[in-house]
Amino acid sequence: MVSIVYTDHLKLRLNIRKIPFGYPRKIYQKPELRYYDTIENTEIAIRKLYYNQKIRNMAIVYEKKGDNIEIITIHPISEEKLLNRIINRRWVKDE
């Protein structure tokens, strides 16, 4: 069984950005999009969620480590930045 681990950095970002604690798990479990970051060698999952009084794309960065999924950080991402990373092939579709 896979275990989801929140890093200290993620916990700090959740607190600073006032993002609900359950969002990273929710994004990982039911993403709308998944990508692989070719520069950082990490996985990305994205889901639209309510944040800061709007529905926004929320992205998590995570790594698979054995039976654990270690979620590193979370942040809102604009459509423009998302498309830019895809067009530049920094993020490639993770099937």
Protein backbone atom coordinates (compact mmCIF):
# COMPACT_ATOMS: atom_id res chain seq x y z
CA MET A 1 0.00 0.00 0.00
CA VAL A 2 1.27 3.46 -0.93
CA SER A 3 1.82 5.94 1.87
CA ILE A 4 1.65 9.70 1.27
CA VAL A 5 4.30 11.68 3.16
CA TYR A 6 4.23 15.47 3.58
CA THR A 7 7.73 16.99 3.68
CA ASP A 8 8.58 19.75 6.15
CA HIS A 9 8.86 22.12 3.18
CA LEU A 10 5.33 21.23 2.05
CA LYS A 11 3.96 21.80 5.56
CA LEU A 12 5.66 25.20 5.64
CA ARG A 13 4.21 26.15 2.23
CA LEU A 14 0.72 25.05 3.27
CA ASN A 15 0.97 27.28 6.33
CA ILE A 16 2.49 30.31 4.55
CA ARG A 17 0.09 30.15 1.59
CA LYS A 18 -2.90 29.25 3.78
CA ILE A 19 -3.71 26.21 1.64
CA PRO A 20 -5.96 23.56 3.22
CA PHE A 21 -3.92 20.67 4.67
CA GLY A 22 -5.82 18.02 2.69
CA TYR A 23 -5.24 19.58 -0.75
CA PRO A 24 -1.92 17.82 -1.56
CA ARG A 25 -3.45 14.38 -0.88
CA LYS A 26 -6.58 15.28 -2.86
CA ILE A 27 -4.49 16.47 -5.83
CA TYR A 28 -2.30 13.36 -5.78
CA GLN A 29 -5.23 10.95 -5.53
CA LYS A 30 -7.44 12.55 -8.21
CA PRO A 31 -5.38 14.80 -10.49
CA GLU A 32 -6.73 16.25 -13.70
CA LEU A 33 -3.22 16.27 -15.21
CA ARG A 34 0.08 14.52 -14.51
CA TYR A 35 3.49 15.53 -15.82
CA TYR A 36 7.14 14.67 -15.42
CA ASP A 37 9.55 17.58 -14.85
CA THR A 38 12.52 16.89 -17.12
CA ILE A 39 14.79 19.38 -15.31
CA GLU A 40 14.05 18.53 -11.68
CA ASN A 41 13.31 14.81 -12.30
CA THR A 42 10.14 15.03 -10.25
CA GLU A 43 6.48 14.25 -10.84
CA ILE A 44 3.80 16.95 -11.09
CA ALA A 45 0.07 16.57 -10.46
CA ILE A 46 -2.46 19.31 -11.13
CA ARG A 47 -6.08 19.77 -10.15
CA LYS A 48 -8.43 22.72 -10.12
CA LEU A 49 -9.43 23.59 -6.55
CA TYR A 50 -10.91 26.55 -4.71
CA TYR A 51 -8.08 28.72 -3.38
CA ASN A 52 -7.87 32.40 -2.49
CA GLN A 53 -11.49 33.05 -3.49
CA LYS A 54 -11.17 31.49 -6.98
CA ILE A 55 -11.00 28.13 -8.72
CA ARG A 56 -7.32 27.73 -9.64
CA ASN A 57 -4.93 25.13 -10.98
CA MET A 58 -3.09 23.80 -7.96
CA ALA A 59 0.13 21.87 -8.61
CA ILE A 60 2.02 19.50 -6.36
CA VAL A 61 5.57 18.33 -6.88
CA TYR A 62 6.31 14.82 -5.63
CA GLU A 63 8.71 11.90 -5.80
CA LYS A 64 8.08 8.19 -5.59
CA LYS A 65 10.37 6.64 -2.97
CA GLY A 66 9.72 2.94 -2.55
CA ASP A 67 6.22 2.52 -1.14
CA ASN A 68 6.03 6.23 -0.29
CA ILE A 69 4.88 9.24 -2.24
CA GLU A 70 6.80 12.20 -0.86
CA ILE A 71 5.00 15.45 -1.66
CA ILE A 72 7.61 18.21 -1.78
CA THR A 73 5.61 21.38 -2.40
CA ILE A 74 2.32 22.86 -3.60
CA HIS A 75 1.48 26.07 -5.41
CA PRO A 76 -1.14 27.64 -7.63
CA ILE A 77 -0.10 27.76 -11.29
CA SER A 78 -1.57 29.97 -13.99
CA GLU A 79 -2.70 28.58 -17.34
CA GLU A 80 0.05 30.69 -18.97
CA LYS A 81 2.86 29.18 -16.86
CA LEU A 82 1.45 25.69 -17.29
CA LEU A 83 1.33 26.03 -21.08
CA ASN A 84 4.80 27.58 -21.15
CA ARG A 85 6.30 24.59 -19.32
CA ILE A 86 4.54 22.18 -21.67
CA ILE A 87 5.52 24.04 -24.85
CA ASN A 88 9.15 24.27 -23.72
CA ARG A 89 9.07 20.53 -22.96
CA ARG A 90 10.09 21.10 -19.35
CA TRP A 91 6.97 19.19 -18.34
CA VAL A 92 6.05 16.14 -20.41
CA LYS A 93 2.85 14.14 -20.11
CA ASP A 94 3.13 11.37 -17.53
CA GLU A 95 1.04 8.43 -18.69
